[in-house]
Protein backbone atom coordinates (compact mmCIF):
# COMPACT_ATOMS: atom_id res chain seq x y z
CA MET A 1 337.88 -2.20 102.14
CA LYS A 2 334.38 -1.19 100.59
CA VAL A 3 332.09 -3.23 98.82
CA LEU A 4 328.83 -2.93 96.86
CA GLU A 5 325.74 -3.97 99.18
CA GLU A 6 322.37 -4.41 97.62
CA LYS A 7 319.79 -2.54 99.39
CA HIS A 8 316.65 -2.18 97.23
CA LYS A 9 315.83 -4.81 94.85
CA LEU A 10 315.12 -3.57 90.74
CA ALA A 11 311.30 -4.52 91.39
CA THR A 12 310.97 -2.23 94.34
CA ARG A 13 312.67 0.60 92.78
CA TRP A 14 310.56 -0.10 89.56
CA PHE A 15 307.32 0.19 91.42
CA HIS A 16 308.42 3.20 93.65
CA TRP A 17 309.61 5.39 90.61
CA ILE A 18 306.47 4.64 88.73
CA ASN A 19 303.95 4.91 91.92
CA PHE A 20 305.40 8.36 93.18
CA PRO A 21 304.87 10.68 90.01
CA ILE A 22 301.77 8.36 89.06
CA LEU A 23 300.30 9.60 92.40
CA THR A 24 301.22 13.01 92.36
CA LEU A 25 299.43 13.68 88.90
CA MET A 26 296.64 12.01 90.35
CA ILE A 27 296.51 14.38 93.42
CA ALA A 28 297.18 17.26 90.76
CA SER A 29 294.30 16.10 88.54
CA GLY A 30 291.90 15.46 91.50
CA MET A 31 292.49 19.08 92.41
CA LEU A 32 291.04 20.03 89.23
CA ILE A 33 287.97 17.99 90.07
CA TYR A 34 287.72 19.15 93.76
CA TRP A 35 287.44 22.72 92.92
CA SER A 36 283.84 22.40 91.45
CA TYR A 37 282.65 21.54 95.25
CA ASP A 38 285.22 22.22 97.98
CA PRO A 39 283.21 21.81 101.28
CA TYR A 40 285.98 20.47 103.57
CA ARG A 41 287.31 22.79 106.35
CA ILE A 42 288.75 22.33 109.69
CA GLY A 43 286.75 24.46 112.40
CA LEU A 44 284.01 24.06 114.70
CA GLY A 45 280.31 25.14 114.11
CA ASP A 46 280.10 27.88 112.04
CA ILE A 47 283.96 29.19 113.06
CA THR A 48 286.27 27.92 110.14
CA LEU A 49 289.91 27.96 111.05
CA PHE A 50 291.15 26.60 107.47
CA HIS A 51 289.32 25.97 104.28
CA PHE A 52 290.47 23.45 101.71
CA PHE A 53 291.23 25.67 99.56
CA PRO A 54 290.59 29.36 99.53
CA ASP A 55 289.94 31.37 96.53
CA TRP A 56 293.49 32.74 96.42
CA PHE A 57 294.72 29.13 95.87
CA TYR A 58 292.54 28.81 92.49
CA ASP A 59 293.58 32.07 91.58
CA ALA A 60 297.36 31.41 91.88
CA THR A 61 297.01 28.02 90.15
CA HIS A 62 294.25 28.63 87.75
CA ILE A 63 293.09 25.07 88.38
CA ASP A 64 289.44 26.01 88.53
CA HIS A 65 286.81 25.23 85.70
CA LYS A 66 288.74 22.33 84.51
CA LEU A 67 286.69 19.70 85.84
CA ALA A 68 286.17 17.74 82.62
CA TYR A 69 289.74 17.93 81.89
CA GLY A 70 290.43 16.64 85.65
CA MET A 71 288.02 13.92 85.36
CA ALA A 72 289.59 12.52 82.09
CA LEU A 73 293.32 12.73 83.52
CA HIS A 74 292.27 11.28 86.78
CA PHE A 75 290.82 8.20 85.65
CA LEU A 76 293.66 7.39 83.06
CA PHE A 77 296.14 7.59 85.93
CA ALA A 78 294.06 5.76 88.19
CA TRP A 79 294.32 2.65 86.16
CA ILE A 80 298.08 2.87 85.95
CA PHE A 81 298.05 3.46 89.87
CA SER A 82 296.03 0.34 90.15
CA PHE A 83 297.65 -1.69 87.94
CA ASN A 84 301.20 -0.76 89.33
CA GLY A 85 299.65 -1.28 92.85
CA LEU A 86 298.43 -4.49 92.33
CA ALA A 87 301.54 -5.79 90.55
CA TYR A 88 303.85 -4.56 93.51
CA VAL A 89 301.43 -6.28 96.04
CA THR A 90 301.45 -9.87 94.11
CA TYR A 91 305.38 -9.06 93.99
CA THR A 92 305.76 -8.60 97.50
CA VAL A 93 303.92 -11.76 98.28
CA VAL A 94 305.24 -14.18 95.97
CA SER A 95 309.04 -13.08 96.48
CA GLY A 96 308.41 -13.21 100.20
CA GLU A 97 309.66 -9.19 100.45
CA TRP A 98 306.15 -8.73 102.89
CA ARG A 99 307.98 -10.46 105.73
CA GLU A 100 310.55 -7.40 105.64
CA LEU A 101 307.73 -4.89 105.27
CA ALA A 102 304.94 -6.13 107.54
CA PRO A 103 304.73 -4.68 111.09
CA GLU A 104 305.74 -7.03 113.90
CA LYS A 105 304.61 -7.45 117.42
CA LYS A 106 307.36 -5.02 118.57
CA SER A 107 307.21 -2.66 115.84
CA PHE A 108 305.02 -0.24 117.35
CA ALA A 109 306.95 -0.07 120.41
CA GLU A 110 310.15 0.24 118.49
CA ALA A 111 308.67 3.00 116.26
CA LEU A 112 308.00 5.02 118.97
CA GLN A 113 311.82 5.08 119.85
CA VAL A 114 312.61 6.18 116.08
CA VAL A 115 310.57 8.85 116.09
CA LYS A 116 312.13 10.06 119.26
CA HIS A 117 315.39 9.68 117.88
CA ASP A 118 314.58 11.53 114.82
CA MET A 119 313.48 14.18 116.91
CA GLY A 120 316.72 14.52 118.48
CA LEU A 121 315.99 12.94 121.69
CA LYS A 122 318.69 10.85 123.64
CA VAL A 123 316.92 7.32 122.58
CA PRO A 124 319.07 4.77 121.26
CA LEU A 125 317.60 3.54 117.91
CA PRO A 126 316.38 -0.14 118.26
CA PRO A 127 318.10 -3.07 115.66
CA GLN A 128 318.08 -1.77 112.17
CA GLY A 129 316.88 -4.20 109.06
CA ARG A 130 316.36 -3.21 105.58
CA TYR A 131 313.06 -1.41 107.24
CA ASN A 132 313.36 0.13 110.52
CA ALA A 133 310.11 -0.32 112.60
CA ALA A 134 308.43 3.28 111.69
CA GLN A 135 309.01 2.59 107.91
CA ARG A 136 307.18 -0.90 108.47
CA ILE A 137 304.36 0.64 109.73
CA THR A 138 304.36 3.66 107.31
CA TYR A 139 304.98 1.41 104.26
CA SER A 140 302.37 -0.93 105.00
CA ALA A 141 299.82 2.01 105.61
CA ILE A 142 300.41 3.18 102.47
CA VAL A 143 299.69 0.15 100.67
CA VAL A 144 296.31 -0.08 102.50
CA MET A 145 295.43 3.49 101.83
CA GLY A 146 295.95 2.96 98.24
CA GLY A 147 293.56 0.51 98.18
CA LEU A 148 290.99 2.31 100.05
CA SER A 149 291.47 5.01 97.67
CA LEU A 150 290.61 2.76 94.92
CA LEU A 151 287.48 1.86 96.51
CA THR A 152 286.33 5.19 97.49
CA GLY A 153 287.14 6.52 94.15
CA LEU A 154 285.28 3.73 92.67
CA ALA A 155 282.24 4.34 94.79
CA ILE A 156 282.13 8.31 93.98
CA TYR A 157 282.63 7.63 90.11
CA LYS A 158 279.95 5.00 89.76
CA PRO A 159 277.54 5.45 92.83
CA ALA A 160 274.43 3.99 90.90
CA GLN A 161 276.40 1.00 89.49
CA LEU A 162 278.29 0.30 92.57
CA SER A 163 275.83 1.32 95.08
CA TRP A 164 276.32 -1.91 97.61
CA LEU A 165 280.15 -0.13 97.59
CA THR A 166 278.84 3.15 97.95
CA ALA A 167 276.46 2.23 100.82
CA LEU A 168 279.27 0.13 102.60
CA LEU A 169 281.58 3.47 102.70
CA GLY A 170 278.74 5.37 104.39
CA GLY A 171 276.99 6.70 101.42
CA TYR A 172 278.00 9.43 98.49
CA GLU A 173 279.31 12.04 100.90
CA TRP A 174 281.06 9.84 103.25
CA ALA A 175 283.08 8.13 100.54
CA ARG A 176 283.85 11.33 98.98
CA TRP A 177 285.24 12.80 102.39
CA GLU A 178 287.13 9.55 102.97
CA HIS A 179 288.57 9.88 99.62
CA PHE A 180 289.57 13.41 100.28
CA TRP A 181 291.08 12.76 103.63
CA LEU A 182 293.25 10.18 102.17
CA THR A 183 294.39 12.47 99.82
CA MET A 184 295.60 14.71 102.28
CA SER A 185 297.54 11.65 104.18
CA TYR A 186 299.23 11.26 101.21
CA LEU A 187 300.66 14.90 101.21
CA GLY A 188 301.62 14.60 104.73
CA PHE A 189 303.33 11.59 103.92
CA PHE A 190 305.26 12.83 101.04
CA GLY A 191 306.30 15.81 103.13
CA ILE A 192 307.79 13.37 105.82
CA HIS A 193 309.25 11.28 103.32
CA ILE A 194 310.99 13.51 101.31
CA GLY A 195 312.09 15.31 104.33
CA GLN A 196 313.54 11.91 105.84
CA VAL A 197 315.11 11.35 102.63
CA ILE A 198 317.41 14.51 102.51
CA ARG A 199 318.03 13.85 106.31
CA ALA A 200 319.40 10.37 105.39
CA GLY A 201 321.89 12.01 102.60
CA TRP A 202 322.62 11.37 99.11
CA ALA A 203 323.73 7.75 99.54
CA ASN A 204 320.51 6.66 100.59
CA PHE A 205 318.71 8.54 97.85
CA ARG A 206 321.39 6.94 95.33
CA SER A 207 320.57 3.33 96.46
CA MET A 208 316.96 3.95 95.81
CA ILE A 209 318.01 4.73 92.29
CA CYS A 210 320.71 1.87 91.57
CA GLY A 211 319.80 -0.69 94.26
CA TYR A 212 323.28 -0.35 95.76
CA ASP A 213 324.89 1.12 98.73
CA VAL A 214 328.85 1.39 99.44
CA ALA A 215 329.42 -0.56 102.85
CA ASP A 216 332.46 -1.80 104.53
CA ALA A 217 333.55 -5.54 103.96
CA THR A 218 332.96 -7.90 106.82
CA PRO A 219 336.16 -9.02 107.65
CA GLU A 220 337.07 -12.65 107.41
CA VAL A 221 337.11 -14.96 110.53
CA LYS A 222 340.37 -17.08 110.27
CA THR A 223 340.73 -20.46 112.12
CA HIS A 224 343.64 -22.31 113.24
CA ALA A 225 343.63 -26.07 113.14
CA GLY A 226 344.99 -27.99 116.04
């Protein structure tokens, strides 16, 4: 017999589906700002292996020369992102949901098993709750990254008014560098997360929309007196 089993709370789904598009729009608007000064690259000395982002990228996307527009959009979405993030953290603390999200002592060892299993190696999965060990670590890290993005963003937005914050983060150039690599980490997370959603199948995605999954009913255990 099949029954509906609650998998994701309404609040969790609400915060998720607000955060995902807002963060995507923040990254897109951030690119409109980044083009005006794009020094970051991967390389050693004078040798550049990859530059963020090459001229052909700007030519193809037409995101150059839109600095003021990008800043206006970025700061608008930043307010929504920060309020949604604050509401999410408050909800997880008040509701007790943090207990299922926060990593445990065994989470890091179990996360390695989860990664090996997902890579196709013959490694058994550790006991699974609502979130496995890898998800606990990743989702908790995303919350921390969100907070750091807000702090580094404020530091480079108001370096004079918030000079103490800018100095705490290593100065303007360091704060901007940190803000950039946090953004690149989001893109990496998106890629892995979407890939895992596809791998998990339609039922998992559906449960993040409606909150429920179809599961086998637990059979009743009959007892006999005497």
